[in-house]
């Protein structure tokens, strides 16, 4: 029988402490996305900027499941798509992942993490003309969410400019007929945004399926609520939760740290 875990050599002693910490947190993010049911087998991608660089980021090997990702299995790319480092295995990088993530890392120096998902709820909302509605407090956090029209599988480098233009300075975007995307200055904040965006999408679908008249808060209430979720108003959402999420993973399977 094949091994349940891929034998990947640890690179902890070959990278800076800062990069290793980022690798551990990014591997944890993959595991958490799997734990919270937001995966699509080997599809999709989460990336994190390599600390101290503007032109390198870490991303998953195309072929590994999220629940298998470890700190040492992540591939290091530059913004031109050149592999700076990868483990000694046959897996490469998803081209669509490179297109989407390189675009944002190149344009948004305030962003260190990018998460993209294809969940059923996310794809459903992405297919609705109305998009995400401010039906709940959680959804109101994304009152100014960005939208990007579908152009086909994201393999065309020319699409990067349009992706960046549509994202603007937002921290979340709905890719029409495609899925969800969140960004953040830290991995913890990007994960928190994705978790809450997914919850908002699920709740909207459940509410609309009930076939009852919807309660729509006033524009003033929506704007006030969105303001209160800004990271500089109350707290950067995600940072307080992150240590607890790592403990949750450690109780289940700490191999992401290897």
Protein backbone atom coordinates (compact mmCIF):
# COMPACT_ATOMS: atom_id res chain seq x y z
CA UNK A 1 0.00 0.00 0.00
CA UNK A 2 1.26 3.56 -0.68
CA UNK A 3 2.29 5.76 2.22
CA UNK A 4 -0.53 7.80 3.74
CA UNK A 5 1.80 10.81 4.06
CA UNK A 6 4.20 11.96 1.36
CA UNK A 7 7.82 11.71 2.55
CA UNK A 8 8.95 15.33 2.22
CA UNK A 9 12.23 16.54 3.71
CA UNK A 10 11.92 19.35 6.22
CA UNK A 11 13.35 22.69 5.05
CA UNK A 12 13.13 24.35 8.45
CA UNK A 13 16.91 24.75 8.71
CA UNK A 14 17.21 25.99 5.11
CA UNK A 15 14.97 29.04 5.30
CA UNK A 16 14.78 32.08 7.55
CA UNK A 17 12.80 31.86 10.80
CA UNK A 18 10.34 34.34 9.30
CA UNK A 19 9.79 32.23 6.19
CA UNK A 20 9.39 29.08 8.28
CA UNK A 21 6.74 30.77 10.42
CA UNK A 22 4.90 31.81 7.26
CA UNK A 23 5.15 28.28 5.89
CA UNK A 24 3.69 26.83 9.09
CA UNK A 25 0.83 29.34 9.12
CA UNK A 26 0.10 28.81 5.42
CA UNK A 27 0.08 25.02 5.84
CA UNK A 28 -2.27 25.53 8.79
CA UNK A 29 -4.53 27.65 6.60
CA UNK A 30 -4.78 24.85 4.05
CA UNK A 31 -5.67 22.38 6.78
CA UNK A 32 -8.27 24.76 8.23
CA UNK A 33 -9.91 25.33 4.86
CA UNK A 34 -10.19 21.55 4.60
CA UNK A 35 -11.44 21.20 8.17
CA UNK A 36 -14.16 23.78 7.59
CA UNK A 37 -15.33 22.12 4.38
CA UNK A 38 -14.19 24.68 1.81
CA UNK A 39 -12.09 22.49 -0.52
CA UNK A 40 -12.52 21.24 -4.09
CA UNK A 41 -10.17 18.22 -4.05
CA UNK A 42 -6.84 19.42 -5.57
CA UNK A 43 -8.33 22.57 -7.11
CA UNK A 44 -7.98 26.08 -5.68
CA UNK A 45 -5.08 27.74 -4.00
CA UNK A 46 -3.91 29.79 -1.04
CA UNK A 47 -0.72 31.82 -1.25
CA UNK A 48 1.43 33.83 1.12
CA UNK A 49 4.15 36.33 0.38
CA UNK A 50 7.66 35.25 1.38
CA UNK A 51 8.67 37.61 4.22
CA UNK A 52 11.12 40.30 3.21
CA UNK A 53 10.30 40.02 -0.51
CA UNK A 54 7.96 41.75 -2.94
CA UNK A 55 8.34 39.24 -5.76
CA UNK A 56 8.09 35.77 -4.20
CA UNK A 57 5.20 33.80 -2.76
CA UNK A 58 4.42 30.32 -1.47
CA UNK A 59 1.65 28.18 -2.93
CA UNK A 60 0.41 24.58 -2.87
CA UNK A 61 1.71 21.77 -5.08
CA UNK A 62 -0.90 20.94 -7.73
CA UNK A 63 -1.88 17.39 -6.88
CA UNK A 64 -1.78 17.40 -3.08
CA UNK A 65 -4.99 17.59 -1.08
CA UNK A 66 -5.31 20.45 1.40
CA UNK A 67 -5.31 17.99 4.30
CA UNK A 68 -1.84 16.81 3.19
CA UNK A 69 -0.13 20.18 2.97
CA UNK A 70 2.86 20.73 5.24
CA UNK A 71 5.20 23.66 5.79
CA UNK A 72 7.93 21.94 3.75
CA UNK A 73 5.69 20.92 0.84
CA UNK A 74 4.90 24.47 -0.28
CA UNK A 75 6.40 25.69 -3.56
CA UNK A 76 8.14 29.05 -3.78
CA UNK A 77 7.47 31.07 -6.95
CA UNK A 78 8.43 34.47 -8.28
CA UNK A 79 6.00 36.83 -10.00
CA UNK A 80 7.11 35.61 -13.43
CA UNK A 81 6.15 32.05 -12.61
CA UNK A 82 9.69 30.79 -12.11
CA UNK A 83 10.00 28.10 -9.45
CA UNK A 84 12.47 29.39 -6.87
CA UNK A 85 12.25 26.21 -4.79
CA UNK A 86 10.13 23.08 -4.66
CA UNK A 87 10.37 19.70 -2.96
CA UNK A 88 11.81 16.78 -4.89
CA UNK A 89 8.52 15.48 -6.25
CA UNK A 90 6.60 15.52 -9.51
CA UNK A 91 3.99 18.09 -8.52
CA UNK A 92 4.05 21.54 -10.06
CA UNK A 93 1.85 24.65 -9.77
CA UNK A 94 -1.67 25.17 -11.05
CA UNK A 95 -1.42 27.74 -13.86
CA UNK A 96 -4.70 29.38 -12.91
CA UNK A 97 -3.40 29.70 -9.37
CA UNK A 98 -0.29 31.43 -10.62
CA UNK A 99 -2.30 33.88 -12.74
CA UNK A 100 -4.65 34.90 -9.96
CA UNK A 101 -2.18 35.03 -7.08
CA UNK A 102 0.72 36.63 -8.93
CA UNK A 103 -1.59 39.42 -10.08
CA UNK A 104 -2.61 40.32 -6.55
CA UNK A 105 0.81 39.91 -4.92
CA UNK A 106 2.34 42.16 -7.59
CA UNK A 107 -0.25 44.91 -7.27
CA UNK A 108 -1.24 44.85 -3.60
CA UNK A 109 1.84 45.23 -1.39
CA UNK A 110 -0.50 45.53 1.60
CA UNK A 111 -1.59 41.93 1.01
CA UNK A 112 0.44 38.96 2.26
CA UNK A 113 -2.17 36.22 1.78
CA UNK A 114 -4.67 35.36 -0.96
CA UNK A 115 -7.33 32.64 -0.63
CA UNK A 116 -9.50 31.34 -3.49
CA UNK A 117 -12.28 28.74 -3.10
CA UNK A 118 -14.88 26.90 -5.19
CA UNK A 119 -17.46 26.04 -2.52
CA UNK A 120 -21.01 25.17 -3.46
CA UNK A 121 -22.34 28.19 -1.57
CA UNK A 122 -19.73 30.53 -3.02
CA UNK A 123 -20.34 29.36 -6.59
CA UNK A 124 -24.09 29.66 -6.10
CA UNK A 125 -23.88 33.29 -4.94
CA UNK A 126 -21.35 33.98 -7.72
CA UNK A 127 -23.97 32.81 -10.21
CA UNK A 128 -26.72 35.13 -8.93
CA UNK A 129 -27.23 38.53 -10.52
CA UNK A 130 -27.98 40.00 -7.08
CA UNK A 131 -24.67 38.78 -5.68
CA UNK A 132 -24.19 38.87 -1.92
CA UNK A 133 -27.06 40.63 -0.14
CA UNK A 134 -26.68 42.42 3.25
CA UNK A 135 -29.18 40.11 4.94
CA UNK A 136 -27.13 39.38 8.05
CA UNK A 137 -24.54 41.07 10.22
CA UNK A 138 -21.95 38.72 8.75
CA UNK A 139 -22.89 39.67 5.20
CA UNK A 140 -22.87 43.38 6.01
CA UNK A 141 -19.17 43.07 6.73
CA UNK A 142 -18.83 42.63 2.95
CA UNK A 143 -21.11 45.51 1.94
CA UNK A 144 -18.44 46.74 -0.47
CA UNK A 145 -17.31 43.40 -1.82
CA UNK A 146 -15.75 43.48 -5.30
CA UNK A 147 -16.92 41.53 -8.36
CA UNK A 148 -15.02 40.16 -11.35
CA UNK A 149 -16.84 38.92 -14.45
CA UNK A 150 -16.08 35.42 -15.65
CA UNK A 151 -13.63 35.20 -18.56
CA UNK A 152 -13.07 31.44 -18.65
CA UNK A 153 -10.49 29.38 -16.79
CA UNK A 154 -7.92 31.90 -15.53
CA UNK A 155 -5.01 30.91 -17.78
CA UNK A 156 -4.61 34.18 -19.70
CA UNK A 157 -1.94 36.47 -18.24
CA UNK A 158 -3.83 39.46 -19.66
CA UNK A 159 -6.64 38.81 -17.18
CA UNK A 160 -4.37 39.78 -14.30
CA UNK A 161 -4.80 43.50 -14.95
CA UNK A 162 -8.59 43.17 -14.92
CA UNK A 163 -8.56 41.05 -11.76
CA UNK A 164 -6.52 43.67 -9.95
CA UNK A 165 -8.64 46.55 -11.26
CA UNK A 166 -11.85 44.87 -10.12
CA UNK A 167 -10.44 43.98 -6.70
CA UNK A 168 -9.28 47.55 -6.09
CA UNK A 169 -8.58 48.03 -2.38
CA UNK A 170 -11.23 45.52 -1.24
CA UNK A 171 -10.38 42.50 0.90
CA UNK A 172 -12.93 40.20 -0.71
CA UNK A 173 -14.18 39.54 -4.24
CA UNK A 174 -16.80 37.34 -5.86
CA UNK A 175 -15.58 35.82 -9.10
CA UNK A 176 -18.75 35.62 -11.17
CA UNK A 177 -19.75 32.05 -12.14
CA UNK A 178 -16.57 30.90 -10.41
CA UNK A 179 -16.09 31.29 -6.66
CA UNK A 180 -14.81 33.42 -3.81
CA UNK A 181 -11.56 35.24 -3.09
CA UNK A 182 -10.27 36.99 0.02
CA UNK A 183 -7.02 38.76 0.81
CA UNK A 184 -5.39 40.04 3.96
CA UNK A 185 -2.23 41.54 5.43
CA UNK A 186 -1.84 38.27 7.35
CA UNK A 187 -2.83 34.67 6.76
CA UNK A 188 -5.03 34.82 9.85
CA UNK A 189 -7.01 37.80 8.56
CA UNK A 190 -7.46 36.36 5.07
CA UNK A 191 -8.76 33.08 6.55
CA UNK A 192 -11.16 34.91 8.85
CA UNK A 193 -12.53 36.86 5.91
CA UNK A 194 -13.03 33.70 3.87
CA UNK A 195 -14.66 31.84 6.74
CA UNK A 196 -17.13 34.69 7.29
CA UNK A 197 -17.74 35.23 3.57
CA UNK A 198 -18.54 31.53 3.16
CA UNK A 199 -20.91 31.74 6.14
CA UNK A 200 -22.64 34.77 4.62
CA UNK A 201 -23.12 32.93 1.32
CA UNK A 202 -24.53 29.83 3.04
CA UNK A 203 -26.92 31.90 5.12
CA UNK A 204 -28.21 33.80 2.09
CA UNK A 205 -28.96 30.57 0.25
CA UNK A 206 -30.76 29.12 3.27
CA UNK A 207 -32.78 32.31 3.72
CA UNK A 208 -33.78 32.56 0.08
CA UNK A 209 -34.74 28.87 0.00
CA UNK A 210 -37.24 29.45 2.83
CA UNK A 211 -39.42 31.41 0.37
CA UNK A 212 -40.24 34.09 2.93
CA UNK A 213 -40.14 37.85 2.59
CA UNK A 214 -36.59 39.05 3.21
CA UNK A 215 -35.74 41.70 5.79
CA UNK A 216 -33.41 44.25 4.23
CA UNK A 217 -31.66 46.59 6.71
CA UNK A 218 -31.44 50.26 5.82
CA UNK A 219 -28.46 51.56 3.87
CA UNK A 220 -27.36 53.51 6.95
CA UNK A 221 -27.32 50.39 9.13
CA UNK A 222 -25.44 48.43 6.48
CA UNK A 223 -22.81 51.15 6.13
CA UNK A 224 -22.41 51.52 9.89
CA UNK A 225 -22.01 47.76 10.32
CA UNK A 226 -19.47 47.53 7.49
CA UNK A 227 -17.50 50.36 9.11
CA UNK A 228 -17.37 48.49 12.42
CA UNK A 229 -15.77 45.51 10.70
CA UNK A 230 -12.86 47.51 9.32
CA UNK A 231 -9.58 46.31 10.89
CA UNK A 232 -8.65 49.73 12.27
CA UNK A 233 -12.00 50.38 13.98
CA UNK A 234 -12.38 47.61 16.57
CA UNK A 235 -9.72 44.96 15.87
CA UNK A 236 -8.09 43.16 12.92
CA UNK A 237 -10.49 40.23 12.70
CA UNK A 238 -8.66 36.91 12.58
CA UNK A 239 -5.64 37.64 14.76
CA UNK A 240 -7.38 36.88 18.06
CA UNK A 241 -8.84 33.65 16.68
CA UNK A 242 -5.67 32.30 15.02
CA UNK A 243 -3.85 30.81 18.06
CA UNK A 244 -7.01 28.92 18.98
CA UNK A 245 -7.33 27.61 15.42
CA UNK A 246 -3.74 26.36 15.55
CA UNK A 247 -4.48 24.62 18.84
CA UNK A 248 -7.51 23.04 17.19
CA UNK A 249 -5.27 21.67 14.43
CA UNK A 250 -2.61 20.52 16.87
CA UNK A 251 -5.18 18.46 18.75
CA UNK A 252 -6.25 16.76 15.50
CA UNK A 253 -3.00 16.42 13.53
CA UNK A 254 0.12 18.59 14.03
CA UNK A 255 1.85 17.26 10.90
CA UNK A 256 1.20 20.55 9.08
CA UNK A 257 4.14 21.92 11.09
CA UNK A 258 6.65 19.56 9.46
